[in-house]
């Protein structure tokens, strides 16, 4: 029954996505192409790395960054459903397990992030990037975990804040700093020790590292812990709406 409930929630979100799939695909191509042109072709030509070209270094970081943004934005509709449409109460009164609703929403966001990742890999291949890292199971698992983490972050924020402005502030104060500091565009090794210590706590740092360097037990456990804790928190907050 739990699995059926999850699939039902995902199917509803898929119907919505299918109606605007072309717009979704086009919008997901814009930012990665700009990053690849500006940093890969522009700035990247002046950067030499011992491990290879800067383009090869950049692509995993773009994927980590993109899955964070896409999964987060995919769940923002929950805020409107709670504050403006008042439809979340209908889900709570329906014969569906609250945890199944949360998992279904999170997996729908993960699915969107996977579509976006496939688009980035296609564009990166055209740009001449080496995509051997994308052929491993580790790559798929990390993308799923990273997407689930930030979809859960948005779900929790959507249940807490009262306005879109407050929801945007989560992006400004949490997602934006991570976008540039968590090893997406440059190595964190050269940062001051205090800054690096803070960055090592953040999930996007470990997602970027796992996508770029392959499986590392510590980073994988940290990413998994974030996923479990945030899913649990999102489910707990959603249950509270019925009380």
Protein backbone atom coordinates (compact mmCIF):
# COMPACT_ATOMS: atom_id res chain seq x y z
CA UNK A 1 0.00 0.00 0.00
CA UNK A 2 2.83 2.38 0.82
CA UNK A 3 4.43 1.76 -2.57
CA UNK A 4 1.11 2.32 -4.36
CA UNK A 5 0.65 5.63 -2.52
CA UNK A 6 4.15 6.77 -3.50
CA UNK A 7 3.54 5.89 -7.15
CA UNK A 8 0.20 7.73 -7.08
CA UNK A 9 1.84 10.93 -5.87
CA UNK A 10 4.61 10.58 -8.44
CA UNK A 11 2.11 9.91 -11.23
CA UNK A 12 0.23 13.10 -10.40
CA UNK A 13 3.46 15.12 -10.58
CA UNK A 14 4.45 13.38 -13.82
CA UNK A 15 1.16 14.42 -15.47
CA UNK A 16 1.91 18.03 -14.51
CA UNK A 17 5.50 17.78 -15.80
CA UNK A 18 4.47 16.06 -19.04
CA UNK A 19 2.26 19.00 -20.01
CA UNK A 20 5.22 21.36 -19.89
CA UNK A 21 8.09 18.99 -20.57
CA UNK A 22 9.46 20.98 -23.53
CA UNK A 23 9.63 24.16 -21.45
CA UNK A 24 11.26 22.24 -18.61
CA UNK A 25 13.93 20.78 -20.91
CA UNK A 26 14.72 24.14 -22.52
CA UNK A 27 14.93 25.93 -19.18
CA UNK A 28 17.23 23.23 -17.79
CA UNK A 29 19.64 23.67 -20.70
CA UNK A 30 20.23 27.41 -20.29
CA UNK A 31 22.28 27.54 -17.07
CA UNK A 32 24.56 24.52 -17.78
CA UNK A 33 25.35 25.82 -21.27
CA UNK A 34 26.24 29.24 -19.85
CA UNK A 35 28.50 27.65 -17.23
CA UNK A 36 30.22 25.47 -19.83
CA UNK A 37 30.77 28.39 -22.20
CA UNK A 38 31.91 30.87 -19.54
CA UNK A 39 33.97 28.58 -17.33
CA UNK A 40 34.72 25.62 -19.58
CA UNK A 41 35.60 27.41 -22.80
CA UNK A 42 36.32 30.91 -21.54
CA UNK A 43 38.06 30.76 -18.20
CA UNK A 44 38.91 27.09 -18.51
CA UNK A 45 41.34 27.62 -21.38
CA UNK A 46 43.65 29.49 -18.99
CA UNK A 47 43.54 26.85 -16.25
CA UNK A 48 45.71 23.75 -16.26
CA UNK A 49 45.09 20.91 -13.82
CA UNK A 50 47.31 17.96 -13.09
CA UNK A 51 44.30 15.64 -13.28
CA UNK A 52 43.20 16.87 -16.71
CA UNK A 53 41.32 19.75 -18.29
CA UNK A 54 39.29 22.22 -16.27
CA UNK A 55 36.24 21.22 -18.31
CA UNK A 56 36.49 17.68 -16.94
CA UNK A 57 36.80 19.13 -13.43
CA UNK A 58 33.85 21.47 -13.99
CA UNK A 59 31.18 19.06 -15.28
CA UNK A 60 30.76 17.03 -12.05
CA UNK A 61 30.48 20.29 -10.11
CA UNK A 62 27.81 21.59 -12.49
CA UNK A 63 25.87 18.35 -12.06
CA UNK A 64 26.05 18.61 -8.26
CA UNK A 65 24.96 22.25 -8.42
CA UNK A 66 22.21 21.59 -10.93
CA UNK A 67 20.68 18.65 -9.05
CA UNK A 68 20.61 20.82 -5.93
CA UNK A 69 18.75 23.65 -7.68
CA UNK A 70 16.38 21.52 -9.74
CA UNK A 71 15.32 19.29 -6.85
CA UNK A 72 14.81 22.30 -4.58
CA UNK A 73 12.73 24.23 -7.10
CA UNK A 74 10.65 21.14 -7.91
CA UNK A 75 9.14 21.12 -4.41
CA UNK A 76 8.38 24.83 -4.06
CA UNK A 77 4.79 24.16 -5.17
CA UNK A 78 4.19 22.54 -1.78
CA UNK A 79 4.31 26.02 -0.26
CA UNK A 80 1.55 27.27 -2.54
CA UNK A 81 -0.51 24.15 -1.82
CA UNK A 82 -0.21 24.82 1.90
CA UNK A 83 -0.56 28.61 2.09
CA UNK A 84 -2.65 29.62 -0.93
CA UNK A 85 -4.49 26.61 -2.35
CA UNK A 86 -5.07 24.94 1.02
CA UNK A 87 -4.83 21.55 -0.68
CA UNK A 88 -2.32 19.86 1.62
CA UNK A 89 -5.12 19.26 4.11
CA UNK A 90 -6.85 17.18 1.44
CA UNK A 91 -3.85 14.88 1.23
CA UNK A 92 -3.83 14.52 5.00
CA UNK A 93 -7.50 13.57 5.05
CA UNK A 94 -7.14 11.21 2.09
CA UNK A 95 -6.42 7.48 2.62
CA UNK A 96 -2.72 7.94 1.97
CA UNK A 97 0.17 7.53 4.35
CA UNK A 98 1.80 10.94 5.08
CA UNK A 99 5.25 9.40 4.67
CA UNK A 100 4.22 8.12 1.23
CA UNK A 101 3.21 11.62 0.18
CA UNK A 102 6.58 13.02 1.29
CA UNK A 103 8.55 10.25 -0.41
CA UNK A 104 6.48 10.60 -3.58
CA UNK A 105 7.15 14.35 -3.73
CA UNK A 106 10.86 13.85 -3.08
CA UNK A 107 11.18 11.12 -5.71
CA UNK A 108 9.35 13.30 -8.24
CA UNK A 109 11.97 15.98 -7.62
CA UNK A 110 14.72 13.37 -7.98
CA UNK A 111 13.22 12.29 -11.31
CA UNK A 112 13.33 15.87 -12.58
CA UNK A 113 16.93 16.18 -11.44
CA UNK A 114 17.82 12.98 -13.31
CA UNK A 115 16.29 14.37 -16.52
CA UNK A 116 18.29 17.56 -16.04
CA UNK A 117 21.46 15.55 -15.38
CA UNK A 118 20.99 13.60 -18.62
CA UNK A 119 20.70 16.91 -20.49
CA UNK A 120 23.89 18.23 -18.90
CA UNK A 121 25.81 15.08 -19.79
CA UNK A 122 24.62 15.37 -23.39
CA UNK A 123 25.70 19.00 -23.64
CA UNK A 124 29.01 18.30 -21.87
CA UNK A 125 29.75 15.54 -24.37
CA UNK A 126 29.20 17.99 -27.20
CA UNK A 127 31.63 20.38 -25.48
CA UNK A 128 34.23 17.59 -25.44
CA UNK A 129 34.20 16.66 -21.74
CA UNK A 130 35.36 13.27 -20.51
CA UNK A 131 32.30 11.52 -19.06
CA UNK A 132 33.82 8.26 -17.80
CA UNK A 133 32.77 9.17 -14.26
CA UNK A 134 29.10 9.07 -15.30
CA UNK A 135 29.25 5.38 -16.17
CA UNK A 136 29.42 4.14 -12.57
CA UNK A 137 26.72 3.19 -10.07
CA UNK A 138 28.32 5.66 -7.67
CA UNK A 139 27.38 8.51 -10.00
CA UNK A 140 23.70 7.56 -10.10
CA UNK A 141 23.47 7.02 -6.34
CA UNK A 142 25.11 10.35 -5.53
CA UNK A 143 22.81 12.24 -7.90
CA UNK A 144 19.79 10.61 -6.26
CA UNK A 145 21.02 11.31 -2.73
CA UNK A 146 21.95 14.92 -3.47
CA UNK A 147 18.59 15.53 -5.14
CA UNK A 148 16.69 13.94 -2.26
CA UNK A 149 18.55 16.09 0.27
CA UNK A 150 17.67 19.43 -1.29
CA UNK A 151 14.15 18.39 -2.20
CA UNK A 152 13.71 17.57 1.49
CA UNK A 153 15.19 20.93 2.46
CA UNK A 154 12.62 22.69 0.28
CA UNK A 155 9.80 20.51 1.61
CA UNK A 156 10.69 21.46 5.19
CA UNK A 157 11.00 25.14 4.27
CA UNK A 158 7.69 25.07 2.38
CA UNK A 159 5.94 23.77 5.50
CA UNK A 160 7.55 26.39 7.73
CA UNK A 161 7.62 29.76 5.95
CA UNK A 162 4.58 31.90 5.23
CA UNK A 163 5.53 33.79 2.06
CA UNK A 164 7.40 33.22 -1.21
CA UNK A 165 9.86 35.91 -0.11
CA UNK A 166 10.84 33.81 2.90
CA UNK A 167 11.16 30.74 0.69
CA UNK A 168 13.45 32.71 -1.62
CA UNK A 169 15.58 33.67 1.38
CA UNK A 170 16.37 29.99 1.94
CA UNK A 171 17.81 30.00 -1.55
CA UNK A 172 19.76 33.20 -0.88
CA UNK A 173 21.24 32.25 2.49
CA UNK A 174 21.71 28.49 2.06
CA UNK A 175 21.79 27.40 -1.58
CA UNK A 176 23.63 30.39 -3.06
CA UNK A 177 26.70 30.20 -0.77
CA UNK A 178 26.96 26.45 -1.33
CA UNK A 179 26.73 26.97 -5.09
CA UNK A 180 30.09 28.74 -5.17
CA UNK A 181 31.95 27.45 -2.11
CA UNK A 182 31.35 23.69 -2.05
CA UNK A 183 33.87 22.58 -4.65
CA UNK A 184 31.66 23.08 -7.68
CA UNK A 185 33.91 25.50 -9.59
CA UNK A 186 37.21 25.17 -7.72
CA UNK A 187 38.92 22.94 -5.18
CA UNK A 188 38.24 23.73 -1.53
CA UNK A 189 41.83 22.82 -0.60
CA UNK A 190 43.06 26.41 -1.00
CA UNK A 191 40.42 27.97 1.24
CA UNK A 192 41.31 29.19 4.77
CA UNK A 193 41.10 26.37 7.36
CA UNK A 194 38.15 27.92 9.22
CA UNK A 195 36.13 28.37 6.04
CA UNK A 196 37.05 24.90 4.85
CA UNK A 197 35.94 23.37 8.17
CA UNK A 198 32.48 24.88 7.72
CA UNK A 199 32.27 23.85 4.07
CA UNK A 200 33.16 20.26 4.96
CA UNK A 201 29.92 20.05 6.93
CA UNK A 202 27.74 20.95 3.94
CA UNK A 203 26.23 18.20 1.75
CA UNK A 204 27.02 19.77 -1.62
CA UNK A 205 30.74 19.56 -0.81
CA UNK A 206 30.50 15.80 -0.47
CA UNK A 207 28.26 15.43 -3.51
CA UNK A 208 30.78 17.34 -5.65
CA UNK A 209 33.63 15.25 -4.25
CA UNK A 210 31.90 11.92 -4.84
CA UNK A 211 30.92 12.84 -8.40
CA UNK A 212 34.41 14.06 -9.20
CA UNK A 213 36.68 11.63 -7.32
CA UNK A 214 34.58 8.49 -7.08
CA UNK A 215 33.44 6.58 -4.01
CA UNK A 216 34.72 7.84 -0.65
CA UNK A 217 33.20 6.14 2.43
CA UNK A 218 33.15 9.22 4.68
CA UNK A 219 31.53 11.50 2.10
CA UNK A 220 29.04 8.79 1.17
CA UNK A 221 28.03 8.24 4.80
CA UNK A 222 27.63 11.99 5.37
CA UNK A 223 25.43 12.33 2.28
CA UNK A 224 23.37 9.30 3.32
CA UNK A 225 22.94 10.67 6.84
CA UNK A 226 21.70 14.00 5.48
CA UNK A 227 19.18 12.15 3.30
CA UNK A 228 17.76 10.03 6.12
CA UNK A 229 17.58 12.88 8.65
CA UNK A 230 15.95 15.35 6.27
CA UNK A 231 13.41 12.80 4.99
CA UNK A 232 12.51 11.99 8.58
CA UNK A 233 12.20 15.70 9.43
CA UNK A 234 10.05 16.42 6.36
CA UNK A 235 7.71 13.55 7.24
CA UNK A 236 7.48 14.66 10.86
CA UNK A 237 6.65 18.25 9.88
CA UNK A 238 4.03 17.07 7.38
CA UNK A 239 2.33 14.90 10.01
CA UNK A 240 2.10 17.92 12.32
CA UNK A 241 -0.19 19.67 9.85
CA UNK A 242 -2.98 17.27 10.82
CA UNK A 243 -2.73 18.12 14.54
